[in-house]
Amino acid sequence: MEQERDDEAKSEGSFDGIVTDLRALRVNTGVVTYAEIARRIGRHRGQLNGDGVNDAPARSTVYDAFRLGRSRLNPELVGEIVRALAEDEQSVRQWKVRCYQVQASSERNCERDPVCIEDAVVPARNPEPLKSHRSRYIYVGSVLAACMLLDLIGHAVVGKLHLALFLDMIGTATAAIMLGPWYGVAIALLGNSAGMVIHGSMALPFALVNAAGALVWGYGVRRPAWVATFTQFFRLNFTAAIVCTLVAVPILMLGYHGGTGHESDQLTNTFTSSGQNLLSAVLLSNGITSILDKLATGFIALVVIQWCTSRIKSVDSEFVSPVDNLFRFSLRPTARNVWPLRDYSAVLARRV
């Protein structure tokens, strides 16, 4: 009996045949957990929507797609699963076409079966209700408001304590990482505009610096090879610092003759006293300050994101943050960089 079942499952013209091949594909890619497949699908949906918000299907929905004995199969979901298992777009289209062909064949056979016709009039129950758009808007709006407040607090703290850091991009980094790069740019522009109350008009030109950092963080965390390990996230913050310096130095030289009265100007004076020309001194002093500042900013932003995510999950246990995986770094420098934190698949499987 089992042999007959296996032979039937391997048939190209049945749902069981598709499921069997789907199982084989999952095994060949390293037995990726159902929860990880759902997360990958969510990340891809967020990229397509352009808002960076993870819209992952339920783990049970993905699990059901691998179950034999199904009378129907969602071609779109199958395509997303195949894409999550690192197949190319041509392969995705082939799998979807195959599902549609089997569905059409099943419906033709159903027309000749009175029992099947009677069952077909019963509407299929949606296994996963659509998420509320209202809750998403509340989530995005709350995060943006908190990010604006963080940037303003950073401006105020530096202005009050005269620190040799900037700390004006914590909210910008949080928005860029959690929501998407252009959300971060919006916070950068708004935050620096509000920062004029504390630092005066000089804060406005440096909105370009903050916007550049937002783009690096926002796009960087969405490139798997950039944030697969703790070390790589460190490098991402370092990259943000370098980009910000390259944007800031021309503004300092052309608009403020190398200094704005910030504490980092003391370092510039030290370099000029040692014989460096003004451009080199500004570049070195701003680069050193920026590296320290962006490293601190990036990791503070992760703490803020973790806090926000935990608060949301205390109300909605099904909530999936776009950067959930960033809280589970691998400290091994030789980690395989295929998808973010793939080495933690076994750990995640035990938790689900």
Protein backbone atom coordinates (compact mmCIF):
# COMPACT_ATOMS: atom_id res chain seq x y z
CA MET A 1 0.00 0.00 0.00
CA GLU A 2 2.82 2.38 0.90
CA GLN A 3 4.57 1.57 -2.37
CA GLU A 4 1.45 2.49 -4.31
CA ARG A 5 1.20 5.71 -2.35
CA ASP A 6 4.83 6.63 -3.16
CA ASP A 7 4.31 5.86 -6.86
CA GLU A 8 1.26 8.07 -6.95
CA ALA A 9 3.07 10.88 -5.12
CA LYS A 10 5.84 10.88 -7.72
CA SER A 11 3.35 11.43 -10.54
CA GLU A 12 3.82 14.75 -12.34
CA GLY A 13 0.07 15.20 -12.69
CA SER A 14 -0.92 15.23 -9.03
CA PHE A 15 -0.66 17.57 -6.07
CA ASP A 16 1.15 14.84 -4.18
CA GLY A 17 3.75 14.80 -6.94
CA ILE A 18 4.33 18.54 -6.53
CA VAL A 19 4.53 18.21 -2.74
CA THR A 20 7.04 15.35 -3.03
CA ASP A 21 9.26 17.40 -5.32
CA LEU A 22 8.88 20.40 -3.01
CA ARG A 23 10.06 18.25 -0.09
CA ALA A 24 13.07 17.12 -2.12
CA LEU A 25 13.93 20.74 -2.96
CA ARG A 26 13.81 21.66 0.74
CA VAL A 27 16.12 18.75 1.62
CA ASN A 28 18.58 19.69 -1.12
CA THR A 29 18.86 23.25 0.24
CA GLY A 30 19.83 22.08 3.73
CA VAL A 31 16.44 21.32 5.33
CA VAL A 32 15.47 24.95 5.89
CA THR A 33 12.92 25.20 8.71
CA TYR A 34 9.31 26.13 7.94
CA ALA A 35 9.64 29.20 10.17
CA GLU A 36 12.72 30.37 8.26
CA ILE A 37 10.92 29.86 4.92
CA ALA A 38 8.05 32.01 6.23
CA ARG A 39 10.51 34.73 7.30
CA ARG A 40 12.18 34.76 3.90
CA ILE A 41 8.81 35.05 2.19
CA GLY A 42 7.93 37.94 4.50
CA ARG A 43 11.16 39.78 3.71
CA HIS A 44 10.55 39.40 -0.03
CA ARG A 45 6.97 40.67 0.31
CA GLY A 46 8.25 43.67 2.23
CA GLN A 47 10.73 44.44 -0.54
CA LEU A 48 8.00 44.19 -3.18
CA ASN A 49 5.69 46.48 -1.20
CA GLY A 50 8.52 48.97 -0.77
CA ASP A 51 7.72 49.61 2.87
CA GLY A 52 10.15 47.08 4.36
CA VAL A 53 7.38 45.74 6.60
CA ASN A 54 7.57 41.99 7.00
CA ASP A 55 4.33 40.29 5.89
CA ALA A 56 5.32 36.70 6.57
CA PRO A 57 2.73 33.90 6.28
CA ALA A 58 2.04 31.74 9.30
CA ARG A 59 4.42 28.83 9.86
CA SER A 60 1.43 26.46 9.73
CA THR A 61 0.53 27.77 6.26
CA VAL A 62 4.00 26.93 4.96
CA TYR A 63 3.92 23.54 6.71
CA ASP A 64 0.59 22.64 5.07
CA ALA A 65 2.09 23.22 1.63
CA PHE A 66 4.47 20.29 2.29
CA ARG A 67 1.67 17.93 3.39
CA LEU A 68 0.64 14.99 1.17
CA GLY A 69 -3.00 14.25 0.40
CA ARG A 70 -4.01 17.82 -0.50
CA SER A 71 -6.98 18.47 -2.78
CA ARG A 72 -5.76 21.96 -3.70
CA LEU A 73 -2.51 23.93 -3.59
CA ASN A 74 -1.94 27.69 -3.78
CA PRO A 75 0.34 28.28 -6.81
CA GLU A 76 1.41 31.74 -5.56
CA LEU A 77 2.45 30.35 -2.18
CA VAL A 78 4.32 27.50 -3.85
CA GLY A 79 6.16 30.05 -5.99
CA GLU A 80 7.13 32.03 -2.90
CA ILE A 81 8.36 28.89 -1.15
CA VAL A 82 10.45 27.91 -4.15
CA ARG A 83 11.93 31.42 -4.28
CA ALA A 84 12.70 31.25 -0.55
CA LEU A 85 14.61 28.02 -1.22
CA ALA A 86 17.02 29.98 -3.44
CA GLU A 87 15.53 29.06 -6.82
CA ASP A 88 15.60 31.59 -9.67
CA GLU A 89 12.57 33.35 -11.18
CA GLN A 90 12.37 31.00 -14.16
CA SER A 91 12.11 28.02 -11.83
CA VAL A 92 9.47 29.85 -9.78
CA ARG A 93 7.35 30.35 -12.91
CA GLN A 94 7.70 26.67 -13.84
CA TRP A 95 6.49 25.55 -10.42
CA LYS A 96 3.50 27.91 -10.58
CA VAL A 97 2.57 26.75 -14.08
CA ARG A 98 2.78 23.15 -12.91
CA CYS A 99 0.40 23.92 -10.01
CA TYR A 100 -2.08 25.61 -12.35
CA GLN A 101 -1.94 22.66 -14.75
CA VAL A 102 -2.64 20.15 -11.97
CA GLN A 103 -5.44 22.37 -10.65
CA ALA A 104 -7.02 22.56 -14.12
CA SER A 105 -6.75 18.79 -14.55
CA SER A 106 -8.31 18.26 -11.13
CA GLU A 107 -11.22 20.55 -11.99
CA ARG A 108 -11.85 18.71 -15.26
CA ASN A 109 -11.96 15.41 -13.41
CA CYS A 110 -14.17 17.01 -10.77
CA GLU A 111 -16.78 17.93 -13.38
CA ARG A 112 -17.35 14.24 -14.06
CA ASP A 113 -17.66 13.35 -10.36
CA PRO A 114 -21.04 14.26 -8.75
CA VAL A 115 -19.57 14.03 -5.25
CA CYS A 116 -16.77 16.40 -6.16
CA ILE A 117 -19.25 18.88 -7.67
CA GLU A 118 -21.26 18.87 -4.47
CA ASP A 119 -18.14 19.51 -2.38
CA ALA A 120 -16.91 22.22 -4.72
CA VAL A 121 -19.80 24.56 -3.90
CA VAL A 122 -18.53 24.82 -0.32
CA PRO A 123 -16.27 27.91 -0.20
CA ALA A 124 -12.71 27.24 0.89
CA ARG A 125 -11.88 28.66 4.28
CA ASN A 126 -9.02 31.08 4.30
CA PRO A 127 -6.44 29.48 6.62
CA GLU A 128 -4.86 32.83 7.42
CA PRO A 129 -6.95 36.00 7.80
CA LEU A 130 -5.60 39.12 6.16
CA LYS A 131 -3.62 41.37 8.42
CA SER A 132 -5.20 44.64 9.47
CA HIS A 133 -3.81 47.59 7.55
CA ARG A 134 -4.83 49.80 10.44
CA SER A 135 -2.50 47.98 12.84
CA ARG A 136 0.35 48.37 10.34
CA TYR A 137 -0.22 52.11 10.05
CA ILE A 138 -0.30 52.45 13.83
CA TYR A 139 2.93 50.45 14.06
CA VAL A 140 4.73 52.53 11.42
CA GLY A 141 3.43 55.82 12.80
CA SER A 142 4.45 54.97 16.35
CA VAL A 143 7.96 53.96 15.28
CA LEU A 144 8.41 57.16 13.25
CA ALA A 145 7.26 59.33 16.15
CA ALA A 146 9.67 57.56 18.51
CA CYS A 147 12.52 57.97 16.00
CA MET A 148 11.88 61.71 15.70
CA LEU A 149 12.01 61.99 19.49
CA LEU A 150 15.29 60.01 19.62
CA ASP A 151 16.98 62.35 17.14
CA LEU A 152 15.82 65.40 19.08
CA ILE A 153 17.08 63.90 22.35
CA GLY A 154 20.45 63.26 20.68
CA HIS A 155 20.68 66.88 19.52
CA ALA A 156 19.77 68.10 23.02
CA VAL A 157 22.22 65.82 24.85
CA VAL A 158 25.17 66.82 22.67
CA GLY A 159 24.25 70.51 22.90
CA LYS A 160 23.91 70.36 26.67
CA LEU A 161 26.92 68.19 27.55
CA HIS A 162 29.22 69.32 24.70
CA LEU A 163 30.13 65.74 23.80
CA ALA A 164 32.73 64.88 21.17
CA LEU A 165 30.09 62.72 19.41
CA PHE A 166 27.02 63.65 17.37
CA LEU A 167 24.31 61.18 18.57
CA ASP A 168 21.82 62.83 16.19
CA MET A 169 21.17 59.71 14.08
CA ILE A 170 19.89 57.13 16.56
CA GLY A 171 16.30 57.67 15.44
CA THR A 172 17.38 57.86 11.80
CA ALA A 173 19.22 54.53 12.04
CA THR A 174 16.30 52.93 13.88
CA ALA A 175 13.81 53.98 11.19
CA ALA A 176 16.12 52.97 8.34
CA ILE A 177 16.82 49.53 9.80
CA MET A 178 13.35 48.74 11.09
CA LEU A 179 11.15 50.25 8.37
CA GLY A 180 13.30 50.94 5.32
CA PRO A 181 15.92 53.34 3.94
CA TRP A 182 13.55 56.08 2.80
CA TYR A 183 11.76 56.14 6.12
CA GLY A 184 15.20 56.81 7.58
CA VAL A 185 15.77 59.65 5.09
CA ALA A 186 12.46 61.21 6.11
CA ILE A 187 13.43 61.10 9.78
CA ALA A 188 16.87 62.54 8.93
CA LEU A 189 15.34 65.54 7.18
CA LEU A 190 12.67 66.13 9.82
CA GLY A 191 15.08 65.57 12.71
CA ASN A 192 17.64 68.05 11.43
CA SER A 193 14.91 70.58 10.68
CA ALA A 194 13.74 70.30 14.28
CA GLY A 195 17.38 70.37 15.43
CA MET A 196 17.62 73.96 14.21
CA VAL A 197 15.86 74.93 17.45
CA ILE A 198 18.92 73.68 19.38
CA HIS A 199 21.86 74.21 17.03
CA GLY A 200 20.53 76.97 14.81
CA SER A 201 20.56 77.04 11.02
CA MET A 202 23.81 75.06 10.79
CA ALA A 203 21.87 71.84 11.54
CA LEU A 204 19.96 72.00 8.26
CA PRO A 205 22.80 71.37 5.73
CA PHE A 206 23.91 68.34 7.72
CA ALA A 207 20.56 66.69 7.00
CA LEU A 208 22.32 65.45 3.84
CA VAL A 209 24.85 63.64 6.03
CA ASN A 210 22.12 61.96 8.05
CA ALA A 211 20.22 61.03 4.89
CA ALA A 212 23.34 59.37 3.47
CA GLY A 213 23.75 57.34 6.66
CA ALA A 214 20.08 56.31 6.53
CA LEU A 215 20.51 54.94 3.01
CA VAL A 216 23.58 52.92 4.02
CA TRP A 217 21.85 51.41 7.06
CA GLY A 218 18.51 50.89 5.33
CA TYR A 219 19.82 49.17 2.23
CA GLY A 220 22.70 47.48 4.06
CA VAL A 221 20.55 45.47 6.49
CA ARG A 222 18.47 44.25 3.55
CA ARG A 223 21.50 42.74 1.82
CA PRO A 224 22.01 39.28 3.39
CA ALA A 225 25.77 39.30 2.87
CA TRP A 226 26.13 42.54 4.86
CA VAL A 227 24.51 41.49 8.14
CA ALA A 228 24.97 37.74 8.36
CA THR A 229 27.29 38.01 11.36
CA PHE A 230 28.07 40.34 14.24
CA THR A 231 31.30 41.36 12.51
CA GLN A 232 29.47 42.29 9.33
CA PHE A 233 27.02 44.52 11.17
CA PHE A 234 30.06 46.19 12.74
CA ARG A 235 31.40 46.77 9.21
CA LEU A 236 28.05 48.18 8.11
CA ASN A 237 28.23 50.81 10.84
CA PHE A 238 31.83 51.55 9.82
CA THR A 239 30.68 51.98 6.20
CA ALA A 240 27.96 54.39 7.32
CA ALA A 241 30.59 56.42 9.17
CA ILE A 242 32.85 56.68 6.11
CA VAL A 243 29.98 57.70 3.82
CA CYS A 244 28.81 60.33 6.32
CA THR A 245 32.33 61.75 6.54
CA LEU A 246 32.64 61.99 2.75
CA VAL A 247 29.40 63.98 2.66
CA ALA A 248 30.15 66.10 5.75
CA VAL A 249 33.68 67.28 4.88
CA PRO A 250 32.68 69.28 1.74
CA ILE A 251 29.90 70.94 3.75
CA LEU A 252 32.35 71.83 6.52
CA MET A 253 34.96 73.18 4.11
CA LEU A 254 32.65 75.17 1.83
CA GLY A 255 30.13 76.42 4.37
CA TYR A 256 31.95 76.69 7.69
CA HIS A 257 35.69 76.95 6.89
CA GLY A 258 36.39 73.57 8.48
CA GLY A 259 34.57 73.91 11.81
CA THR A 260 31.17 74.55 13.37
CA GLY A 261 32.17 74.93 17.02
CA HIS A 262 31.56 71.24 17.73
CA GLU A 263 33.86 69.52 20.23
CA SER A 264 35.47 67.60 17.35
CA ASP A 265 37.01 70.91 16.20
CA GLN A 266 39.58 70.50 18.97
CA LEU A 267 40.85 67.40 17.19
CA THR A 268 41.01 69.39 13.95
CA ASN A 269 43.15 72.02 15.70
CA THR A 270 45.45 69.28 17.00
CA PHE A 271 46.03 67.97 13.47
CA THR A 272 46.63 71.44 12.01
CA SER A 273 49.10 72.19 14.81
CA SER A 274 51.03 69.05 13.85
CA GLY A 275 51.51 70.35 10.30
CA GLN A 276 48.48 68.95 8.49
CA ASN A 277 46.68 71.20 6.02
CA LEU A 278 43.09 72.17 6.87
CA LEU A 279 41.42 69.70 4.50
CA SER A 280 43.40 66.73 5.83
CA ALA A 281 42.80 67.81 9.41
CA VAL A 282 39.04 68.12 8.92
CA LEU A 283 38.91 64.79 7.10
CA LEU A 284 40.81 62.97 9.84
CA SER A 285 39.02 64.56 12.78
CA ASN A 286 35.55 64.13 11.28
CA GLY A 287 36.35 60.56 10.20
CA ILE A 288 37.52 59.51 13.68
CA THR A 289 34.54 61.17 15.38
CA SER A 290 32.12 59.74 12.84
CA ILE A 291 33.41 56.18 13.24
CA LEU A 292 32.98 56.28 17.02
CA ASP A 293 29.60 57.97 16.69
CA LYS A 294 28.15 55.59 14.07
CA LEU A 295 29.32 52.48 15.90
CA ALA A 296 27.57 53.72 19.04
CA THR A 297 24.51 54.81 17.04
CA GLY A 298 24.11 51.49 15.22
CA PHE A 299 24.19 49.35 18.34
CA ILE A 300 22.00 51.73 20.35
CA ALA A 301 19.51 51.56 17.48
CA LEU A 302 19.46 47.75 17.75
CA VAL A 303 18.65 48.00 21.45
CA VAL A 304 15.80 50.41 20.66
CA ILE A 305 14.49 48.13 17.92
CA GLN A 306 14.56 45.12 20.22
CA TRP A 307 12.61 47.05 22.85
CA CYS A 308 10.00 48.20 20.31
CA THR A 309 9.64 44.68 18.93
CA SER A 310 9.22 43.12 22.37
CA ARG A 311 6.50 45.65 23.24
CA ILE A 312 4.58 44.87 20.06
CA LYS A 313 4.93 41.11 20.55
CA SER A 314 3.60 41.39 24.10
CA VAL A 315 0.30 42.42 22.50
CA ASP A 316 0.51 40.44 19.24
CA SER A 317 2.50 37.23 19.62
CA GLU A 318 2.29 36.60 15.85
CA PHE A 319 4.06 39.86 15.02
CA VAL A 320 7.26 39.43 12.99
CA SER A 321 9.75 42.29 12.94
CA PRO A 322 11.61 43.01 9.69
CA VAL A 323 14.90 42.68 11.62
CA ASP A 324 14.12 39.87 14.07
CA ASN A 325 17.20 37.98 12.88
CA LEU A 326 19.54 40.88 13.67
CA PHE A 327 19.22 39.99 17.36
CA ARG A 328 20.77 36.54 16.83
CA PHE A 329 24.30 37.12 15.56
CA SER A 330 26.82 34.38 14.87
CA LEU A 331 30.19 35.28 16.37
CA ARG A 332 32.00 32.88 14.05
CA PRO A 333 33.88 34.84 11.35
CA THR A 334 33.62 31.95 8.90
CA ALA A 335 29.80 31.88 8.88
CA ARG A 336 28.26 31.05 5.50
CA ASN A 337 26.64 34.23 4.15
CA VAL A 338 23.69 32.97 2.11
CA TRP A 339 20.82 34.44 4.13
CA PRO A 340 21.02 36.44 7.37
CA LEU A 341 21.87 34.18 10.31
CA ARG A 342 21.16 30.95 8.47
CA ASP A 343 23.42 29.19 10.98
CA TYR A 344 20.69 29.73 13.57
CA SER A 345 18.05 27.67 11.70
CA ALA A 346 18.33 24.82 14.19
CA VAL A 347 17.94 27.18 17.15
CA LEU A 348 14.92 28.85 15.60
CA ALA A 349 13.35 25.46 14.84
CA ARG A 350 13.51 24.49 18.52
CA ARG A 351 11.82 27.73 19.55
CA VAL A 352 8.91 27.37 17.14
